[in-house]
């Protein structure tokens, strides 16, 4: 009886690690196949959630849909993660430059509205595909860790552009965390940051994801983070935006949607409290994990404009 119980425990241990290993791989590696990405957890039916828990998400490489209506040119920027594709749109007599970084399973074409607003405010814009996304090389994502090296490469590219001027970094979700890590760990020093809905830590975002599916987070979330980091060559438990924020002295505007099911108020409060430099915060009451200009176009733009008027 004891031997049988030990075998059952061993099989259970192997099975749950096998599921976590598969989830981690699919979560951090895109495929070259056509198709659609698995929907948000809160939008899945009970049957779909069960299937995703068993098989992992469908994760085709995000592709750019459409191009800017404003004048731009495509530029290629070398990064340690591979060649990055970006759209650069300078404006006459620019007040500075804004680099825009997208979130997980997204791409630069999803940032066209934000880029248009920055251009209207007098800034040249650079919309970037992280490595593995859109037109950039690769099929891998680390939800902010390796992406921080892309931020550093883009920042260095903008520093080489003439004339010199303020450089502002804008990022949503994964893009926001990549910006914070680039400054905390890689020595990037922009003029200012605008970050939307950064998650608190990789473990917390995994726990939130299981919570959205109404599935107990432990131990799958912990195993997902463990295997995801191991597969991609880093210790994912150290991917912690709150820790990064403690080293940020750059003026920062932090925005968050109060109806966000994937980034909690507690996470946002902790990141904001940890920021060491001048900081501002704007919450949008009925916004979820989404671009805030969709529900609050006037408020979002006025918040951006007021913050950037300082630089």
Protein backbone atom coordinates (compact mmCIF):
# COMPACT_ATOMS: atom_id res chain seq x y z
CA UNK A 1 0.00 0.00 0.00
CA UNK A 2 2.80 2.45 0.89
CA UNK A 3 4.64 1.64 -2.32
CA UNK A 4 1.50 2.20 -4.37
CA UNK A 5 0.91 5.52 -2.61
CA UNK A 6 4.49 6.59 -3.30
CA UNK A 7 4.08 5.68 -6.98
CA UNK A 8 0.86 7.68 -7.16
CA UNK A 9 2.54 10.67 -5.53
CA UNK A 10 5.47 10.40 -7.94
CA UNK A 11 3.17 10.16 -10.94
CA UNK A 12 1.17 13.13 -9.69
CA UNK A 13 4.35 15.14 -9.19
CA UNK A 14 5.57 14.31 -12.70
CA UNK A 15 2.18 15.03 -14.24
CA UNK A 16 1.78 18.46 -12.66
CA UNK A 17 5.34 19.40 -13.61
CA UNK A 18 4.71 18.16 -17.15
CA UNK A 19 1.63 20.37 -17.43
CA UNK A 20 3.54 23.35 -16.01
CA UNK A 21 6.47 22.73 -18.37
CA UNK A 22 4.13 22.68 -21.38
CA UNK A 23 2.31 25.82 -20.25
CA UNK A 24 5.58 27.66 -19.68
CA UNK A 25 6.91 26.71 -23.10
CA UNK A 26 3.77 27.77 -24.93
CA UNK A 27 3.52 30.95 -22.90
CA UNK A 28 7.05 32.05 -23.81
CA UNK A 29 7.40 30.69 -27.36
CA UNK A 30 5.38 31.80 -30.36
CA UNK A 31 4.64 29.54 -33.32
CA UNK A 32 4.95 30.42 -37.00
CA UNK A 33 1.52 28.97 -37.71
CA UNK A 34 -1.47 31.06 -38.66
CA UNK A 35 -4.40 31.28 -36.28
CA UNK A 36 -5.59 33.28 -33.31
CA UNK A 37 -4.16 33.55 -29.84
CA UNK A 38 -6.12 31.88 -27.04
CA UNK A 39 -8.62 34.37 -25.63
CA UNK A 40 -8.27 36.13 -22.30
CA UNK A 41 -8.89 33.78 -19.34
CA UNK A 42 -11.91 35.73 -18.13
CA UNK A 43 -13.54 35.35 -21.57
CA UNK A 44 -13.21 31.56 -21.85
CA UNK A 45 -16.01 29.09 -21.22
CA UNK A 46 -15.58 26.42 -18.55
CA UNK A 47 -14.85 23.81 -21.24
CA UNK A 48 -12.30 26.08 -22.93
CA UNK A 49 -10.59 26.74 -19.61
CA UNK A 50 -10.30 23.01 -18.94
CA UNK A 51 -8.81 22.45 -22.39
CA UNK A 52 -6.31 25.28 -21.95
CA UNK A 53 -5.27 23.90 -18.55
CA UNK A 54 -4.50 20.56 -20.16
CA UNK A 55 -2.89 21.68 -23.40
CA UNK A 56 -1.57 25.21 -22.88
CA UNK A 57 -2.42 28.30 -24.90
CA UNK A 58 -2.34 28.71 -28.66
CA UNK A 59 0.34 31.32 -29.26
CA UNK A 60 0.97 32.29 -32.91
CA UNK A 61 3.54 35.03 -33.45
CA UNK A 62 1.82 38.44 -33.27
CA UNK A 63 1.76 40.11 -36.68
CA UNK A 64 1.41 43.79 -37.52
CA UNK A 65 -1.96 44.63 -39.03
CA UNK A 66 -1.94 47.91 -40.88
CA UNK A 67 0.62 50.70 -40.98
CA UNK A 68 0.74 54.32 -39.81
CA UNK A 69 -1.38 56.89 -41.63
CA UNK A 70 1.37 59.43 -40.89
CA UNK A 71 4.72 59.55 -42.67
CA UNK A 72 7.26 57.04 -41.36
CA UNK A 73 10.17 54.86 -42.33
CA UNK A 74 11.00 51.33 -41.23
CA UNK A 75 14.26 51.03 -39.31
CA UNK A 76 16.13 47.94 -38.15
CA UNK A 77 17.81 48.09 -34.75
CA UNK A 78 20.30 45.45 -33.55
CA UNK A 79 19.58 43.98 -30.13
CA UNK A 80 21.14 41.11 -28.16
CA UNK A 81 17.86 39.28 -28.83
CA UNK A 82 17.98 39.72 -32.60
CA UNK A 83 17.17 42.43 -35.12
CA UNK A 84 14.26 44.65 -34.11
CA UNK A 85 11.87 46.21 -36.59
CA UNK A 86 10.58 49.68 -35.77
CA UNK A 87 8.67 52.51 -37.42
CA UNK A 88 10.28 55.93 -37.04
CA UNK A 89 8.25 59.08 -37.68
CA UNK A 90 10.09 62.36 -37.09
CA UNK A 91 8.19 65.66 -36.86
CA UNK A 92 9.48 69.13 -37.71
CA UNK A 93 10.97 71.08 -34.81
CA UNK A 94 10.37 68.14 -32.49
CA UNK A 95 10.24 68.74 -28.76
CA UNK A 96 11.85 65.32 -28.30
CA UNK A 97 11.35 61.66 -29.14
CA UNK A 98 9.05 59.00 -27.73
CA UNK A 99 9.79 55.26 -28.00
CA UNK A 100 6.66 53.09 -27.70
CA UNK A 101 6.77 49.51 -26.41
CA UNK A 102 3.82 47.11 -26.61
CA UNK A 103 2.53 44.45 -24.24
CA UNK A 104 2.53 40.65 -24.29
CA UNK A 105 1.31 39.01 -27.54
CA UNK A 106 1.05 42.41 -29.20
CA UNK A 107 3.00 44.47 -31.72
CA UNK A 108 3.77 48.02 -32.79
CA UNK A 109 0.68 48.36 -35.00
CA UNK A 110 -1.41 48.30 -31.82
CA UNK A 111 0.23 51.57 -30.71
CA UNK A 112 -0.74 53.76 -33.66
CA UNK A 113 -3.30 55.81 -31.71
CA UNK A 114 -0.83 56.52 -28.91
CA UNK A 115 1.86 57.44 -31.46
CA UNK A 116 -0.50 59.85 -33.21
CA UNK A 117 -1.19 61.65 -29.94
CA UNK A 118 2.51 62.01 -29.18
CA UNK A 119 3.09 63.41 -32.68
CA UNK A 120 0.28 65.93 -32.15
CA UNK A 121 2.07 67.03 -28.99
CA UNK A 122 5.19 67.72 -31.06
CA UNK A 123 7.26 64.58 -30.52
CA UNK A 124 8.90 62.30 -33.05
CA UNK A 125 7.89 58.69 -32.42
CA UNK A 126 9.53 55.29 -32.69
CA UNK A 127 7.17 52.31 -32.52
CA UNK A 128 9.01 49.09 -31.69
CA UNK A 129 8.35 45.38 -32.11
CA UNK A 130 10.00 43.49 -29.27
CA UNK A 131 12.10 40.49 -30.33
CA UNK A 132 9.80 37.60 -31.25
CA UNK A 133 6.90 39.92 -32.10
CA UNK A 134 5.69 41.56 -35.30
CA UNK A 135 8.47 42.16 -37.82
CA UNK A 136 11.32 41.55 -35.37
CA UNK A 137 13.43 38.41 -35.39
CA UNK A 138 12.70 35.39 -33.26
CA UNK A 139 9.77 33.55 -31.69
CA UNK A 140 10.56 33.91 -27.99
CA UNK A 141 9.13 36.17 -25.29
CA UNK A 142 10.10 36.49 -21.64
CA UNK A 143 7.35 38.93 -20.60
CA UNK A 144 9.80 41.70 -19.78
CA UNK A 145 13.18 40.17 -18.92
CA UNK A 146 14.96 39.86 -22.29
CA UNK A 147 12.75 42.65 -23.60
CA UNK A 148 14.57 45.09 -21.33
CA UNK A 149 17.66 44.61 -23.53
CA UNK A 150 15.51 45.63 -26.51
CA UNK A 151 14.57 48.81 -24.62
CA UNK A 152 18.26 49.53 -24.02
CA UNK A 153 19.07 48.96 -27.71
CA UNK A 154 16.26 51.29 -28.80
CA UNK A 155 17.32 53.95 -26.31
CA UNK A 156 20.89 53.82 -27.65
CA UNK A 157 19.54 54.15 -31.20
CA UNK A 158 17.56 57.27 -30.28
CA UNK A 159 20.57 58.79 -28.53
CA UNK A 160 22.43 58.63 -31.87
CA UNK A 161 19.71 60.54 -33.73
CA UNK A 162 20.12 64.24 -34.42
CA UNK A 163 19.24 66.75 -33.16
CA UNK A 164 19.56 65.69 -29.55
CA UNK A 165 16.64 66.21 -27.22
CA UNK A 166 14.48 64.61 -24.53
CA UNK A 167 13.83 60.88 -24.87
CA UNK A 168 10.62 59.60 -23.29
CA UNK A 169 9.82 55.90 -22.93
CA UNK A 170 6.21 54.73 -23.16
CA UNK A 171 5.22 51.15 -22.38
CA UNK A 172 2.11 49.12 -21.66
CA UNK A 173 2.02 46.02 -19.44
CA UNK A 174 5.06 43.92 -20.48
CA UNK A 175 6.49 46.98 -22.18
CA UNK A 176 6.22 48.94 -18.94
CA UNK A 177 8.03 46.24 -16.96
CA UNK A 178 10.75 46.04 -19.62
CA UNK A 179 11.29 49.81 -19.28
CA UNK A 180 11.58 49.57 -15.49
CA UNK A 181 14.09 46.71 -15.70
CA UNK A 182 16.12 48.49 -18.40
CA UNK A 183 16.55 51.46 -16.08
CA UNK A 184 17.06 49.48 -12.89
CA UNK A 185 19.42 46.82 -14.26
CA UNK A 186 20.85 48.06 -17.59
CA UNK A 187 21.63 51.71 -16.93
CA UNK A 188 19.11 53.29 -19.30
CA UNK A 189 18.45 56.94 -18.35
CA UNK A 190 15.58 58.54 -20.29
CA UNK A 191 14.13 61.98 -19.68
CA UNK A 192 10.81 60.52 -18.47
CA UNK A 193 8.67 57.38 -18.39
CA UNK A 194 5.01 56.84 -19.15
CA UNK A 195 3.97 53.37 -18.03
CA UNK A 196 0.56 51.74 -18.15
CA UNK A 197 -0.55 48.70 -16.08
CA UNK A 198 2.85 47.17 -15.21
CA UNK A 199 2.45 43.92 -13.29
CA UNK A 200 4.05 43.58 -9.86
CA UNK A 201 6.06 40.40 -10.44
CA UNK A 202 6.15 37.43 -12.76
CA UNK A 203 4.83 35.21 -9.98
CA UNK A 204 1.99 37.60 -9.20
CA UNK A 205 0.93 37.87 -12.84
CA UNK A 206 0.91 34.07 -13.13
CA UNK A 207 -1.20 33.85 -9.99
CA UNK A 208 -3.58 36.47 -11.36
CA UNK A 209 -3.91 34.52 -14.58
CA UNK A 210 -4.98 31.37 -12.77
CA UNK A 211 -7.27 33.49 -10.60
CA UNK A 212 -8.97 34.80 -13.76
CA UNK A 213 -9.69 31.18 -14.67
CA UNK A 214 -11.01 30.49 -11.14
CA UNK A 215 -8.33 27.86 -10.65
CA UNK A 216 -6.18 27.62 -7.49
CA UNK A 217 -2.87 29.33 -8.26
CA UNK A 218 -0.66 27.11 -6.10
CA UNK A 219 1.36 25.19 -7.11
CA UNK A 220 0.82 25.64 -10.87
CA UNK A 221 1.67 29.36 -10.91
CA UNK A 222 4.92 28.74 -9.02
CA UNK A 223 5.85 25.86 -11.30
CA UNK A 224 4.95 27.90 -14.39
CA UNK A 225 7.33 30.67 -13.30
CA UNK A 226 10.06 28.15 -12.40
CA UNK A 227 9.94 26.29 -15.71
CA UNK A 228 9.44 29.46 -17.75
CA UNK A 229 12.60 30.95 -16.34
CA UNK A 230 14.58 27.73 -16.69
CA UNK A 231 13.53 27.29 -20.32
CA UNK A 232 14.56 30.84 -21.15
CA UNK A 233 17.76 31.10 -19.16
CA UNK A 234 16.89 33.36 -16.24
CA UNK A 235 15.47 33.22 -12.71
CA UNK A 236 11.92 34.37 -13.35
CA UNK A 237 11.12 34.88 -9.65
CA UNK A 238 13.42 37.94 -9.82
CA UNK A 239 11.32 39.54 -12.56
CA UNK A 240 9.78 42.00 -10.13
CA UNK A 241 8.66 45.48 -11.20
CA UNK A 242 8.27 46.61 -7.58
CA UNK A 243 11.92 45.84 -6.94
CA UNK A 244 12.96 47.58 -10.16
CA UNK A 245 10.93 50.66 -9.23
CA UNK A 246 13.04 51.16 -6.10
CA UNK A 247 15.95 52.11 -8.36
CA UNK A 248 14.03 54.47 -10.66
CA UNK A 249 14.70 58.20 -10.22
CA UNK A 250 13.35 59.15 -13.66
CA UNK A 251 10.17 61.27 -13.63
CA UNK A 252 7.40 58.72 -14.17
CA UNK A 253 3.70 58.81 -14.99
CA UNK A 254 1.98 55.59 -13.89
CA UNK A 255 -1.51 54.81 -15.19
CA UNK A 256 -3.80 51.94 -14.21
CA UNK A 257 -7.33 50.73 -14.91
CA UNK A 258 -9.31 50.09 -11.73
CA UNK A 259 -11.26 47.27 -13.42
CA UNK A 260 -8.08 45.43 -14.49
CA UNK A 261 -8.46 41.69 -13.76
CA UNK A 262 -4.77 40.97 -14.36
CA UNK A 263 -2.99 43.77 -12.50
CA UNK A 264 -4.31 44.46 -9.01
CA UNK A 265 -4.52 47.72 -7.09
CA UNK A 266 -2.10 46.31 -4.51
CA UNK A 267 0.52 45.67 -7.21
CA UNK A 268 0.05 49.15 -8.65
CA UNK A 269 0.18 50.80 -5.23
CA UNK A 270 3.42 48.98 -4.42
CA UNK A 271 5.11 49.98 -7.68
CA UNK A 272 4.04 53.60 -7.33
CA UNK A 273 5.21 53.76 -3.70
CA UNK A 274 8.59 52.28 -4.68
CA UNK A 275 9.36 54.83 -7.42
CA UNK A 276 12.06 57.16 -6.06
CA UNK A 277 11.91 60.05 -8.51
CA UNK A 278 9.19 62.61 -9.32
CA UNK A 279 6.01 60.72 -10.04
CA UNK A 280 2.39 61.11 -11.00
CA UNK A 281 -0.46 58.61 -11.11
CA UNK A 282 -3.78 58.44 -12.91
CA UNK A 283 -6.40 55.72 -12.39
CA UNK A 284 -9.21 55.10 -14.86
CA UNK A 285 -12.25 53.74 -12.96
CA UNK A 286 -13.89 51.43 -15.51
CA UNK A 287 -10.88 50.47 -17.62
CA UNK A 288 -9.50 46.95 -17.67
CA UNK A 289 -6.22 45.61 -19.04
CA UNK A 290 -6.59 47.64 -22.21
CA UNK A 291 -5.59 50.94 -23.84
CA UNK A 292 -7.14 53.65 -21.68
CA UNK A 293 -7.82 55.98 -24.60
CA UNK A 294 -10.63 53.67 -25.72
CA UNK A 295 -12.89 54.50 -22.78
CA UNK A 296 -11.27 57.75 -21.64
CA UNK A 297 -9.87 59.48 -24.75
CA UNK A 298 -10.05 63.03 -23.42
CA UNK A 299 -8.83 62.19 -19.92
CA UNK A 300 -6.02 59.98 -21.20
CA UNK A 301 -4.74 62.57 -23.65
CA UNK A 302 -4.97 65.44 -21.18
CA UNK A 303 -3.05 63.40 -18.59
CA UNK A 304 -0.31 62.64 -21.12
CA UNK A 305 -0.17 66.26 -22.32
CA UNK A 306 0.07 67.73 -18.82
CA UNK A 307 2.83 65.34 -17.83
CA UNK A 308 4.90 65.92 -20.98
CA UNK A 309 4.58 69.70 -20.77
CA UNK A 310 7.30 69.57 -18.09
CA UNK A 311 9.99 68.39 -20.49
